[in-house]
Amino acid sequence: MTTISEADVRDFATRWFEAVRSKAPLAEQRRFFAPGVSIEAWTGVTVPLEAQIAMHEPFTQDDHTFHWLKLEPLPDGRVHVTADVRWEATGVTDQGGEKRIRADVGEDWIIERDAAGELRFARYLASSMRYLPGSATLDLG
């Protein structure tokens, strides 16, 4: 198997964030994840992909940009990635006004190659959410 490089991870994660932003169909977004992998949140909640897609559905201007990322190769060929990502998205309140979420999100991923050599998340943890001043907040339940 080919080594997973930082450029590979940046490209992969950028494509994932674009799939989220563009509200790609479930089948397309599922290809970014190994079978059975859900998104773990800093609150201790595990969110199935379907629920994550539904959460992002009402957002516009749903953008992710890297502050930094770091890779640690694992003995089995996978990589452990820690990253800090700026997430900004606009939603609508039940009073009809817009609200902007602006936060720096700590990410902790295990990324592997599938049998065809494509990257996928073997673990996805949003380990922290640091809201910027004046930001709306996200209710994960």
Protein backbone atom coordinates (compact mmCIF):
# COMPACT_ATOMS: atom_id res chain seq x y z
CA MET A 1 0.00 0.00 0.00
CA THR A 2 1.08 3.53 -0.74
CA THR A 3 2.08 5.68 2.23
CA ILE A 4 -0.53 8.27 3.21
CA SER A 5 1.03 11.74 2.95
CA GLU A 6 -0.02 15.10 4.37
CA ALA A 7 -0.98 16.21 0.85
CA ASP A 8 -3.18 13.09 0.53
CA VAL A 9 -4.92 13.90 3.83
CA ARG A 10 -5.43 17.59 2.97
CA ASP A 11 -6.94 16.65 -0.38
CA PHE A 12 -9.14 13.94 1.16
CA ALA A 13 -10.39 16.14 4.01
CA THR A 14 -11.00 19.07 1.64
CA ARG A 15 -13.12 16.79 -0.57
CA TRP A 16 -15.03 15.61 2.52
CA PHE A 17 -15.66 19.20 3.67
CA GLU A 18 -16.83 20.07 0.14
CA ALA A 19 -19.24 17.11 0.19
CA VAL A 20 -20.65 18.45 3.47
CA ARG A 21 -20.88 22.02 2.13
CA SER A 22 -22.54 20.97 -1.13
CA LYS A 23 -24.95 18.64 0.69
CA ALA A 24 -23.81 15.63 -1.33
CA PRO A 25 -26.15 12.61 -1.15
CA LEU A 26 -25.71 10.08 1.65
CA ALA A 27 -24.20 7.45 -0.69
CA GLU A 28 -21.51 9.90 -1.82
CA GLN A 29 -20.68 11.02 1.73
CA ARG A 30 -20.64 7.42 3.00
CA ARG A 31 -17.68 6.68 0.67
CA PHE A 32 -15.51 8.84 2.95
CA PHE A 33 -16.03 6.39 5.86
CA ALA A 34 -15.10 2.80 6.57
CA PRO A 35 -18.16 0.59 7.18
CA GLY A 36 -19.76 1.23 10.56
CA VAL A 37 -17.86 4.44 11.32
CA SER A 38 -19.89 7.29 12.82
CA ILE A 39 -18.83 10.77 13.89
CA GLU A 40 -17.89 11.12 17.54
CA ALA A 41 -18.38 14.56 19.10
CA TRP A 42 -16.64 16.45 21.89
CA THR A 43 -19.85 16.14 23.94
CA GLY A 44 -19.56 12.33 24.08
CA VAL A 45 -22.37 11.89 21.56
CA THR A 46 -21.84 9.62 18.53
CA VAL A 47 -23.64 10.91 15.46
CA PRO A 48 -24.50 8.55 12.60
CA LEU A 49 -23.70 9.95 9.16
CA GLU A 50 -27.41 10.36 8.36
CA ALA A 51 -27.84 12.59 11.43
CA GLN A 52 -24.71 14.59 10.57
CA ILE A 53 -26.09 15.23 7.08
CA ALA A 54 -29.45 16.29 8.54
CA MET A 55 -27.69 18.63 10.98
CA HIS A 56 -25.85 20.39 8.13
CA GLU A 57 -28.91 20.51 5.84
CA PRO A 58 -30.23 23.92 6.94
CA PHE A 59 -26.79 25.59 6.87
CA THR A 60 -25.57 27.91 4.15
CA GLN A 61 -22.02 29.19 3.78
CA ASP A 62 -20.89 25.96 5.46
CA ASP A 63 -17.12 26.31 5.20
CA HIS A 64 -14.12 24.53 6.72
CA THR A 65 -10.50 25.74 6.51
CA PHE A 66 -7.39 24.25 8.10
CA HIS A 67 -5.39 26.12 10.71
CA TRP A 68 -3.01 23.16 10.86
CA LEU A 69 -2.83 19.38 10.74
CA LYS A 70 -0.32 16.82 11.95
CA LEU A 71 0.11 13.20 10.84
CA GLU A 72 1.46 10.31 12.85
CA PRO A 73 2.06 7.16 10.79
CA LEU A 74 0.76 4.00 12.44
CA PRO A 75 2.49 0.61 12.15
CA ASP A 76 -0.41 -0.83 10.13
CA GLY A 77 -0.09 1.78 7.35
CA ARG A 78 -2.91 4.00 8.58
CA VAL A 79 -2.30 7.52 9.90
CA HIS A 80 -3.48 9.25 13.03
CA VAL A 81 -4.33 12.85 12.15
CA THR A 82 -4.87 15.72 14.53
CA ALA A 83 -6.06 18.97 13.03
CA ASP A 84 -7.48 22.34 13.94
CA VAL A 85 -10.18 23.56 11.56
CA ARG A 86 -12.11 26.83 11.38
CA TRP A 87 -15.77 26.05 10.79
CA GLU A 88 -18.24 28.74 9.82
CA ALA A 89 -21.87 28.17 8.87
CA THR A 90 -25.06 30.20 8.77
CA GLY A 91 -28.35 28.75 9.97
CA VAL A 92 -31.83 30.09 10.58
CA THR A 93 -33.32 30.52 14.05
CA ASP A 94 -36.92 29.59 14.81
CA GLN A 95 -37.61 33.35 14.93
CA GLY A 96 -36.61 33.55 11.25
CA GLY A 97 -33.34 35.43 11.75
CA GLU A 98 -29.99 34.14 10.61
CA LYS A 99 -27.35 33.00 13.06
CA ARG A 100 -23.68 32.44 12.29
CA ILE A 101 -21.64 29.69 13.90
CA ARG A 102 -17.94 30.50 14.00
CA ALA A 103 -15.68 28.04 15.79
CA ASP A 104 -12.31 26.37 15.81
CA VAL A 105 -12.80 22.61 15.87
CA GLY A 106 -10.25 20.09 17.09
CA GLU A 107 -10.30 17.02 14.84
CA ASP A 108 -8.84 13.60 15.60
CA TRP A 109 -8.97 11.07 12.79
CA ILE A 110 -7.63 7.67 11.83
CA ILE A 111 -7.36 7.50 8.03
CA GLU A 112 -6.75 4.31 6.07
CA ARG A 113 -6.82 3.07 2.51
CA ASP A 114 -9.59 0.75 1.37
CA ALA A 115 -8.92 -2.29 -0.84
CA ALA A 116 -8.98 -0.05 -3.94
CA GLY A 117 -6.43 2.34 -2.39
CA GLU A 118 -8.92 5.14 -1.68
CA LEU A 119 -8.68 7.02 1.61
CA ARG A 120 -11.44 6.77 4.19
CA PHE A 121 -12.01 7.63 7.83
CA ALA A 122 -11.56 4.62 10.12
CA ARG A 123 -12.31 6.94 13.07
CA TYR A 124 -13.71 10.45 13.11
CA LEU A 125 -13.69 12.45 16.33
CA ALA A 126 -14.47 16.15 16.56
CA SER A 127 -12.60 16.42 19.86
CA SER A 128 -13.28 20.06 20.74
CA MET A 129 -15.41 23.01 19.69
CA ARG A 130 -14.10 26.44 20.62
CA TYR A 131 -16.69 29.06 19.69
CA LEU A 132 -15.44 32.48 18.66
CA PRO A 133 -16.88 35.56 20.42
CA GLY A 134 -20.42 36.31 19.25
CA SER A 135 -20.88 32.89 17.65
CA ALA A 136 -24.12 30.96 17.75
CA THR A 137 -23.75 27.48 19.25
CA LEU A 138 -24.61 24.03 18.00
CA ASP A 139 -26.97 21.79 19.96
CA LEU A 140 -25.98 18.13 19.57
CA GLY A 141 -28.40 16.91 22.20
